[in-house]
Amino acid sequence: MATASHCSLSGFTRNDQAAAPDVLALARHGDLLIRDPGCFVLPVLAALKSKGVAFLSRFKHGVGVYDLNGQRLNLVWELKTQGRFDREVLLGDQRVRARLVALPVPEAVSNERRRKARANRDRRLNPSREHLFLMGWSIFLTNVSREVWPAQSLATVYRLRWRIEIIFKAWKSHLGLRQFNARSPSLLRLSVMTKLLFYVSVYRFGQALELLGHGQRHVSRLRLARIISQCACLFATAILQLTPDQ
């Protein structure tokens, strides 16, 4: 299987939606891309589909949903009457064709989502009654057929995305992601690559520990990252063959 690596740097003011098209230069036929709502850009999803790339994305509230004849669908009414949704639809002004799947979530989950939405201080995000209702559902978009992925499988696959978020949280919280040498572009790139190598080590340590436990115990990447960050000086001394004082 062919693999590729890519590393690029950009300013912190460039948000996820602006960066969403970057993947088009990297994605290849047969790849799978899992995206969160922050990267939801319909033209990008359409381009991925045309390249033969499979995608799985959370639905972004406010995007128009139409049936295959172009008639607008009332998703709230559909869910209230049908109890769930799994259908090919057209999305947005671009009429991008995709499979939309809505699965109910436990009441505790939906209540917590609504609590957070109501507590948001940004009044521009004040949720409507329709939006609050849809928080009782996990709504996905994909171009993978139900023969390959039954509806419930989408939620299982999408949880892989959360593991990625845990890795990012470990990086930011415990592995000094923001502590870079930015005196020149070359030193900045070297600093980034050095940290990435350290992050790979943390991931490999976690894998090794789980194998030693014969898969019976899950290793917390957050806890492991914290422990290793506290021992970073000792790792450096071992690699550089120095004493801790040096």
C-alpha atoms as a PDB file:
ATOM      1  CA  MET A   1       0.000   0.000   0.000  1.00  0.00           C
ATOM      2  CA  ALA A   2       1.388   3.388  -0.985  1.00  0.00           C
ATOM      3  CA  THR A   3       1.701   6.000   1.757  1.00  0.00           C
ATOM      4  CA  ALA A   4       2.502   9.683   1.684  1.00  0.00           C
ATOM      5  CA  SER A   5       3.525  12.229   4.285  1.00  0.00           C
ATOM      6  CA  HIS A   6       2.907  15.953   4.268  1.00  0.00           C
ATOM      7  CA  CYS A   7       3.776  18.814   6.590  1.00  0.00           C
ATOM      8  CA  SER A   8       2.859  22.465   6.087  1.00  0.00           C
ATOM      9  CA  LEU A   9       2.739  25.535   8.336  1.00  0.00           C
ATOM     10  CA  SER A  10       0.276  28.421   8.261  1.00  0.00           C
ATOM     11  CA  GLY A  11      -0.835  31.293  10.485  1.00  0.00           C
ATOM     12  CA  PHE A  12      -3.220  30.697  13.370  1.00  0.00           C
ATOM     13  CA  THR A  13      -5.748  33.072  11.780  1.00  0.00           C
ATOM     14  CA  ARG A  14      -6.355  30.601   8.946  1.00  0.00           C
ATOM     15  CA  ASN A  15      -9.375  28.619  10.118  1.00  0.00           C
ATOM     16  CA  ASP A  16     -10.404  25.038   9.353  1.00  0.00           C
ATOM     17  CA  GLN A  17     -12.802  25.991   6.554  1.00  0.00           C
ATOM     18  CA  ALA A  18     -10.120  28.010   4.769  1.00  0.00           C
ATOM     19  CA  ALA A  19      -7.747  25.027   5.051  1.00  0.00           C
ATOM     20  CA  ALA A  20     -10.362  22.448   3.997  1.00  0.00           C
ATOM     21  CA  PRO A  21      -9.413  22.469   0.259  1.00  0.00           C
ATOM     22  CA  ASP A  22      -5.772  21.633   1.071  1.00  0.00           C
ATOM     23  CA  VAL A  23      -6.662  17.952   1.307  1.00  0.00           C
ATOM     24  CA  LEU A  24      -7.593  17.824  -2.393  1.00  0.00           C
ATOM     25  CA  ALA A  25      -3.909  17.848  -3.371  1.00  0.00           C
ATOM     26  CA  LEU A  26      -3.213  14.878  -1.077  1.00  0.00           C
ATOM     27  CA  ALA A  27      -6.289  12.632  -1.188  1.00  0.00           C
ATOM     28  CA  ARG A  28      -6.200   9.693  -3.574  1.00  0.00           C
ATOM     29  CA  HIS A  29      -8.775   7.325  -5.011  1.00  0.00           C
ATOM     30  CA  GLY A  30      -9.801   4.817  -2.343  1.00  0.00           C
ATOM     31  CA  ASP A  31      -8.820   7.010   0.626  1.00  0.00           C
ATOM     32  CA  LEU A  32     -11.217   7.661   3.513  1.00  0.00           C
ATOM     33  CA  LEU A  33     -11.513  11.167   4.948  1.00  0.00           C
ATOM     34  CA  ILE A  34     -13.296  11.769   8.274  1.00  0.00           C
ATOM     35  CA  ARG A  35     -14.214  15.415   8.936  1.00  0.00           C
ATOM     36  CA  ASP A  36     -15.867  17.439  11.670  1.00  0.00           C
ATOM     37  CA  PRO A  37     -18.320  20.342  11.064  1.00  0.00           C
ATOM     38  CA  GLY A  38     -15.504  22.885  11.291  1.00  0.00           C
ATOM     39  CA  CYS A  39     -14.137  21.592   7.967  1.00  0.00           C
ATOM     40  CA  PHE A  40     -17.561  21.329   6.316  1.00  0.00           C
ATOM     41  CA  VAL A  41     -17.234  22.827   2.804  1.00  0.00           C
ATOM     42  CA  LEU A  42     -19.640  21.419   0.220  1.00  0.00           C
ATOM     43  CA  PRO A  43     -17.501  22.086  -2.889  1.00  0.00           C
ATOM     44  CA  VAL A  44     -14.636  20.208  -1.210  1.00  0.00           C
ATOM     45  CA  LEU A  45     -16.895  17.212  -0.507  1.00  0.00           C
ATOM     46  CA  ALA A  46     -18.055  17.280  -4.135  1.00  0.00           C
ATOM     47  CA  ALA A  47     -14.442  17.352  -5.354  1.00  0.00           C
ATOM     48  CA  LEU A  48     -13.511  14.447  -3.056  1.00  0.00           C
ATOM     49  CA  LYS A  49     -16.411  12.432  -4.421  1.00  0.00           C
ATOM     50  CA  SER A  50     -15.340  13.091  -8.016  1.00  0.00           C
ATOM     51  CA  LYS A  51     -11.832  11.837  -7.150  1.00  0.00           C
ATOM     52  CA  GLY A  52     -13.182   8.568  -5.757  1.00  0.00           C
ATOM     53  CA  VAL A  53     -12.349   9.503  -2.158  1.00  0.00           C
ATOM     54  CA  ALA A  54     -14.735   8.181   0.504  1.00  0.00           C
ATOM     55  CA  PHE A  55     -15.767  10.749   3.106  1.00  0.00           C
ATOM     56  CA  LEU A  56     -17.630  10.763   6.394  1.00  0.00           C
ATOM     57  CA  SER A  57     -18.595  14.124   7.848  1.00  0.00           C
ATOM     58  CA  ARG A  58     -20.864  15.554  10.487  1.00  0.00           C
ATOM     59  CA  PHE A  59     -23.713  17.579   9.009  1.00  0.00           C
ATOM     60  CA  LYS A  60     -23.552  21.361   9.433  1.00  0.00           C
ATOM     61  CA  HIS A  61     -26.800  22.892  10.618  1.00  0.00           C
ATOM     62  CA  GLY A  62     -28.321  25.414   8.221  1.00  0.00           C
ATOM     63  CA  VAL A  63     -27.312  23.673   4.989  1.00  0.00           C
ATOM     64  CA  GLY A  64     -30.317  23.125   2.724  1.00  0.00           C
ATOM     65  CA  VAL A  65     -31.395  19.500   2.244  1.00  0.00           C
ATOM     66  CA  TYR A  66     -33.319  18.495  -0.903  1.00  0.00           C
ATOM     67  CA  ASP A  67     -34.685  15.248  -2.293  1.00  0.00           C
ATOM     68  CA  LEU A  68     -33.376  13.925  -5.601  1.00  0.00           C
ATOM     69  CA  ASN A  69     -36.115  15.844  -7.436  1.00  0.00           C
ATOM     70  CA  GLY A  70     -34.901  19.130  -5.980  1.00  0.00           C
ATOM     71  CA  GLN A  71     -37.724  19.585  -3.453  1.00  0.00           C
ATOM     72  CA  ARG A  72     -36.598  20.976  -0.096  1.00  0.00           C
ATOM     73  CA  LEU A  73     -36.901  18.516   2.796  1.00  0.00           C
ATOM     74  CA  ASN A  74     -38.001  19.444   6.299  1.00  0.00           C
ATOM     75  CA  LEU A  75     -35.538  17.345   8.276  1.00  0.00           C
ATOM     76  CA  VAL A  76     -37.269  18.016  11.597  1.00  0.00           C
ATOM     77  CA  TRP A  77     -40.611  16.808  10.221  1.00  0.00           C
ATOM     78  CA  GLU A  78     -38.959  13.751   8.654  1.00  0.00           C
ATOM     79  CA  LEU A  79     -37.365  12.761  11.954  1.00  0.00           C
ATOM     80  CA  LYS A  80     -40.494  13.376  13.996  1.00  0.00           C
ATOM     81  CA  THR A  81     -42.592  11.203  11.683  1.00  0.00           C
ATOM     82  CA  GLN A  82     -40.071   8.529  10.675  1.00  0.00           C
ATOM     83  CA  GLY A  83     -37.906   8.269  13.791  1.00  0.00           C
ATOM     84  CA  ARG A  84     -34.675   8.123  11.752  1.00  0.00           C
ATOM     85  CA  PHE A  85     -33.321   9.066   8.342  1.00  0.00           C
ATOM     86  CA  ASP A  86     -31.058   7.287   5.827  1.00  0.00           C
ATOM     87  CA  ARG A  87     -31.449   8.558   2.295  1.00  0.00           C
ATOM     88  CA  GLU A  88     -29.635   9.962  -0.734  1.00  0.00           C
ATOM     89  CA  VAL A  89     -30.162  13.738  -0.810  1.00  0.00           C
ATOM     90  CA  LEU A  90     -28.953  16.900  -2.520  1.00  0.00           C
ATOM     91  CA  LEU A  91     -27.204  19.497  -0.355  1.00  0.00           C
ATOM     92  CA  GLY A  92     -26.917  23.264  -0.527  1.00  0.00           C
ATOM     93  CA  ASP A  93     -27.033  25.565  -3.522  1.00  0.00           C
ATOM     94  CA  GLN A  94     -24.485  23.323  -5.250  1.00  0.00           C
ATOM     95  CA  ARG A  95     -26.895  20.359  -4.945  1.00  0.00           C
ATOM     96  CA  VAL A  96     -24.096  18.012  -3.895  1.00  0.00           C
ATOM     97  CA  ARG A  97     -25.398  14.455  -3.804  1.00  0.00           C
ATOM     98  CA  ALA A  98     -24.607  12.470  -0.664  1.00  0.00           C
ATOM     99  CA  ARG A  99     -26.129  10.032   1.773  1.00  0.00           C
ATOM    100  CA  LEU A 100     -27.568  11.688   4.874  1.00  0.00           C
ATOM    101  CA  VAL A 101     -28.019   9.547   7.987  1.00  0.00           C
ATOM    102  CA  ALA A 102     -29.588  10.701  11.267  1.00  0.00           C
ATOM    103  CA  LEU A 103     -29.401   8.507  14.370  1.00  0.00           C
ATOM    104  CA  PRO A 104     -30.990   9.343  17.752  1.00  0.00           C
ATOM    105  CA  VAL A 105     -28.610   9.900  20.663  1.00  0.00           C
ATOM    106  CA  PRO A 106     -29.267   9.089  24.346  1.00  0.00           C
ATOM    107  CA  GLU A 107     -31.331  11.710  26.157  1.00  0.00           C
ATOM    108  CA  ALA A 108     -28.450  12.582  28.481  1.00  0.00           C
ATOM    109  CA  VAL A 109     -26.260  13.381  25.469  1.00  0.00           C
ATOM    110  CA  SER A 110     -28.875  15.549  23.775  1.00  0.00           C
ATOM    111  CA  ASN A 111     -29.600  17.413  27.018  1.00  0.00           C
ATOM    112  CA  GLU A 112     -25.912  18.166  27.512  1.00  0.00           C
ATOM    113  CA  ARG A 113     -25.621  19.458  23.936  1.00  0.00           C
ATOM    114  CA  ARG A 114     -28.594  21.764  24.485  1.00  0.00           C
ATOM    115  CA  ARG A 115     -27.241  22.979  27.816  1.00  0.00           C
ATOM    116  CA  LYS A 116     -23.951  23.968  26.221  1.00  0.00           C
ATOM    117  CA  ALA A 117     -25.716  25.637  23.294  1.00  0.00           C
ATOM    118  CA  ARG A 118     -27.917  27.733  25.580  1.00  0.00           C
ATOM    119  CA  ALA A 119     -24.940  28.689  27.759  1.00  0.00           C
ATOM    120  CA  ASN A 120     -22.927  29.954  24.774  1.00  0.00           C
ATOM    121  CA  ARG A 121     -22.292  33.675  25.290  1.00  0.00           C
ATOM    122  CA  ASP A 122     -22.070  34.395  21.550  1.00  0.00           C
ATOM    123  CA  ARG A 123     -25.607  35.551  20.759  1.00  0.00           C
ATOM    124  CA  ARG A 124     -24.991  34.933  17.061  1.00  0.00           C
ATOM    125  CA  LEU A 125     -25.057  31.223  17.929  1.00  0.00           C
ATOM    126  CA  ASN A 126     -28.368  31.433  19.802  1.00  0.00           C
ATOM    127  CA  PRO A 127     -29.969  28.128  18.694  1.00  0.00           C
ATOM    128  CA  SER A 128     -33.459  28.002  17.186  1.00  0.00           C
ATOM    129  CA  ARG A 129     -36.091  25.478  18.286  1.00  0.00           C
ATOM    130  CA  GLU A 130     -35.306  23.481  15.139  1.00  0.00           C
ATOM    131  CA  HIS A 131     -31.596  23.431  15.933  1.00  0.00           C
ATOM    132  CA  LEU A 132     -32.260  22.378  19.533  1.00  0.00           C
ATOM    133  CA  PHE A 133     -34.420  19.506  18.287  1.00  0.00           C
ATOM    134  CA  LEU A 134     -31.720  18.313  15.890  1.00  0.00           C
ATOM    135  CA  MET A 135     -29.251  18.181  18.790  1.00  0.00           C
ATOM    136  CA  GLY A 136     -31.071  15.000  19.762  1.00  0.00           C
ATOM    137  CA  TRP A 137     -29.571  13.326  16.696  1.00  0.00           C
ATOM    138  CA  SER A 138     -26.176  12.485  15.287  1.00  0.00           C
ATOM    139  CA  ILE A 139     -26.390  13.513  11.646  1.00  0.00           C
ATOM    140  CA  PHE A 140     -23.770  12.265   9.183  1.00  0.00           C
ATOM    141  CA  LEU A 141     -22.982  12.742   5.521  1.00  0.00           C
ATOM    142  CA  THR A 142     -21.142  10.156   3.470  1.00  0.00           C
ATOM    143  CA  ASN A 143     -20.747   8.884  -0.069  1.00  0.00           C
ATOM    144  CA  VAL A 144     -20.387   5.286   1.150  1.00  0.00           C
ATOM    145  CA  SER A 145     -23.400   3.093   0.427  1.00  0.00           C
ATOM    146  CA  ARG A 146     -25.469   1.391   3.133  1.00  0.00           C
ATOM    147  CA  GLU A 147     -24.429  -1.959   1.682  1.00  0.00           C
ATOM    148  CA  VAL A 148     -20.881  -1.174   2.806  1.00  0.00           C
ATOM    149  CA  TRP A 149     -21.755   0.844   5.917  1.00  0.00           C
ATOM    150  CA  PRO A 150     -25.110   0.217   7.609  1.00  0.00           C
ATOM    151  CA  ALA A 151     -26.381   3.300   9.421  1.00  0.00           C
ATOM    152  CA  GLN A 152     -25.113   2.290  12.866  1.00  0.00           C
ATOM    153  CA  SER A 153     -21.624   1.666  11.483  1.00  0.00           C
ATOM    154  CA  LEU A 154     -21.250   5.371  10.688  1.00  0.00           C
ATOM    155  CA  ALA A 155     -21.316   6.308  14.370  1.00  0.00           C
ATOM    156  CA  THR A 156     -18.738   3.601  15.144  1.00  0.00           C
ATOM    157  CA  VAL A 157     -16.397   4.754  12.377  1.00  0.00           C
ATOM    158  CA  TYR A 158     -16.815   8.421  13.256  1.00  0.00           C
ATOM    159  CA  ARG A 159     -15.633   7.753  16.804  1.00  0.00           C
ATOM    160  CA  LEU A 160     -12.167   7.282  15.302  1.00  0.00           C
ATOM    161  CA  ARG A 161     -12.240  11.049  14.833  1.00  0.00           C
ATOM    162  CA  TRP A 162     -12.480  11.474  18.601  1.00  0.00           C
ATOM    163  CA  ARG A 163      -9.257   9.521  19.066  1.00  0.00           C
ATOM    164  CA  ILE A 164      -7.580  12.086  16.823  1.00  0.00           C
ATOM    165  CA  GLU A 165      -8.967  14.885  19.003  1.00  0.00           C
ATOM    166  CA  ILE A 166      -7.587  13.154  22.111  1.00  0.00           C
ATOM    167  CA  ILE A 167      -4.155  13.037  20.468  1.00  0.00           C
ATOM    168  CA  PHE A 168      -4.338  16.784  19.698  1.00  0.00           C
ATOM    169  CA  LYS A 169      -5.418  17.511  23.269  1.00  0.00           C
ATOM    170  CA  ALA A 170      -2.463  15.526  24.594  1.00  0.00           C
ATOM    171  CA  TRP A 171      -0.135  17.480  22.331  1.00  0.00           C
ATOM    172  CA  LYS A 172      -1.463  20.872  23.410  1.00  0.00           C
ATOM    173  CA  SER A 173      -1.821  20.087  27.113  1.00  0.00           C
ATOM    174  CA  HIS A 174       1.306  18.091  27.903  1.00  0.00           C
ATOM    175  CA  LEU A 175       3.821  18.064  25.063  1.00  0.00           C
ATOM    176  CA  GLY A 176       4.611  21.737  24.562  1.00  0.00           C
ATOM    177  CA  LEU A 177       2.935  22.170  21.190  1.00  0.00           C
ATOM    178  CA  ARG A 178       3.128  25.966  21.473  1.00  0.00           C
ATOM    179  CA  GLN A 179       6.763  26.106  22.551  1.00  0.00           C
ATOM    180  CA  PHE A 180       8.555  26.577  19.243  1.00  0.00           C
ATOM    181  CA  ASN A 181      11.847  28.086  18.178  1.00  0.00           C
ATOM    182  CA  ALA A 182      10.552  30.730  15.774  1.00  0.00           C
ATOM    183  CA  ARG A 183      13.744  32.703  15.179  1.00  0.00           C
ATOM    184  CA  SER A 184      13.764  31.620  11.524  1.00  0.00           C
ATOM    185  CA  PRO A 185      11.580  29.524   9.200  1.00  0.00           C
ATOM    186  CA  SER A 186      14.151  26.716   9.222  1.00  0.00           C
ATOM    187  CA  LEU A 187      14.349  26.580  13.011  1.00  0.00           C
ATOM    188  CA  LEU A 188      10.560  26.676  13.247  1.00  0.00           C
ATOM    189  CA  ARG A 189      10.246  23.740  10.866  1.00  0.00           C
ATOM    190  CA  LEU A 190      12.959  21.835  12.763  1.00  0.00           C
ATOM    191  CA  SER A 191      11.154  22.541  16.044  1.00  0.00           C
ATOM    192  CA  VAL A 192       7.865  21.250  14.621  1.00  0.00           C
ATOM    193  CA  MET A 193       9.422  18.093  13.201  1.00  0.00           C
ATOM    194  CA  THR A 194      11.285  17.359  16.461  1.00  0.00           C
ATOM    195  CA  LYS A 195       8.044  17.606  18.427  1.00  0.00           C
ATOM    196  CA  LEU A 196       6.263  15.379  15.935  1.00  0.00           C
ATOM    197  CA  LEU A 197       8.930  12.711  16.458  1.00  0.00           C
ATOM    198  CA  PHE A 198       8.356  12.995  20.210  1.00  0.00           C
ATOM    199  CA  TYR A 199       4.597  12.646  19.695  1.00  0.00           C
ATOM    200  CA  VAL A 200       5.145   9.504  17.640  1.00  0.00           C
ATOM    201  CA  SER A 201       7.174   8.097  20.530  1.00  0.00           C
ATOM    202  CA  VAL A 202       4.281   8.706  22.919  1.00  0.00           C
ATOM    203  CA  TYR A 203       1.895   6.930  20.567  1.00  0.00           C
ATOM    204  CA  ARG A 204       4.284   3.975  20.176  1.00  0.00           C
ATOM    205  CA  PHE A 205       4.736   3.700  23.927  1.00  0.00           C
ATOM    206  CA  GLY A 206       0.970   3.519  24.301  1.00  0.00           C
ATOM    207  CA  GLN A 207       0.746   0.763  21.706  1.00  0.00           C
ATOM    208  CA  ALA A 208       3.533  -1.215  23.381  1.00  0.00           C
ATOM    209  CA  LEU A 209       1.875  -0.960  26.789  1.00  0.00           C
ATOM    210  CA  GLU A 210      -1.447  -2.176  25.408  1.00  0.00           C
ATOM    211  CA  LEU A 211       0.283  -5.124  23.721  1.00  0.00           C
ATOM    212  CA  LEU A 212       1.975  -6.029  27.018  1.00  0.00           C
ATOM    213  CA  GLY A 213      -1.463  -6.065  28.591  1.00  0.00           C
ATOM    214  CA  HIS A 214      -2.753  -8.347  25.805  1.00  0.00           C
ATOM    215  CA  GLY A 215      -5.335  -5.735  24.867  1.00  0.00           C
ATOM    216  CA  GLN A 216      -7.171  -6.073  28.178  1.00  0.00           C
ATOM    217  CA  ARG A 217      -6.446  -2.512  29.357  1.00  0.00           C
ATOM    218  CA  HIS A 218      -6.791   0.733  27.446  1.00  0.00           C
ATOM    219  CA  VAL A 219      -3.895   3.174  27.842  1.00  0.00           C
ATOM    220  CA  SER A 220      -4.907   6.800  28.363  1.00  0.00           C
ATOM    221  CA  ARG A 221      -2.920   8.859  25.850  1.00  0.00           C
ATOM    222  CA  LEU A 222      -3.540  11.988  27.938  1.00  0.00           C
ATOM    223  CA  ARG A 223      -2.114  10.439  31.105  1.00  0.00           C
ATOM    224  CA  LEU A 224       0.806   8.884  29.240  1.00  0.00           C
ATOM    225  CA  ALA A 225       1.623  12.204  27.568  1.00  0.00           C
ATOM    226  CA  ARG A 226       1.628  13.937  30.954  1.00  0.00           C
ATOM    227  CA  ILE A 227       3.975  11.343  32.464  1.00  0.00           C
ATOM    228  CA  ILE A 228       6.372  11.459  29.523  1.00  0.00           C
ATOM    229  CA  SER A 229       6.389  15.272  29.480  1.00  0.00           C
ATOM    230  CA  GLN A 230       7.409  15.226  33.142  1.00  0.00           C
ATOM    231  CA  CYS A 231      10.280  12.905  32.231  1.00  0.00           C
ATOM    232  CA  ALA A 232      11.280  14.755  29.052  1.00  0.00           C
ATOM    233  CA  CYS A 233      14.606  15.872  30.523  1.00  0.00           C
ATOM    234  CA  LEU A 234      15.549  12.279  31.356  1.00  0.00           C
ATOM    235  CA  PHE A 235      14.714  11.161  27.814  1.00  0.00           C
ATOM    236  CA  ALA A 236      16.860  13.955  26.418  1.00  0.00           C
ATOM    237  CA  THR A 237      19.811  13.006  28.633  1.00  0.00           C
ATOM    238  CA  ALA A 238      19.564   9.380  27.504  1.00  0.00           C
ATOM    239  CA  ILE A 239      19.495  10.322  23.812  1.00  0.00           C
ATOM    240  CA  LEU A 240      22.279  12.917  24.077  1.00  0.00           C
ATOM    241  CA  GLN A 241      24.286  10.799  26.561  1.00  0.00           C
ATOM    242  CA  LEU A 242      24.462  13.646  29.091  1.00  0.00           C
ATOM    243  CA  THR A 243      23.782  13.834  32.786  1.00  0.00           C
ATOM    244  CA  PRO A 244      20.606  15.588  33.994  1.00  0.00           C
ATOM    245  CA  ASP A 245      22.733  18.443  35.392  1.00  0.00           C
ATOM    246  CA  GLN A 246      24.348  18.976  32.013  1.00  0.00           C
END
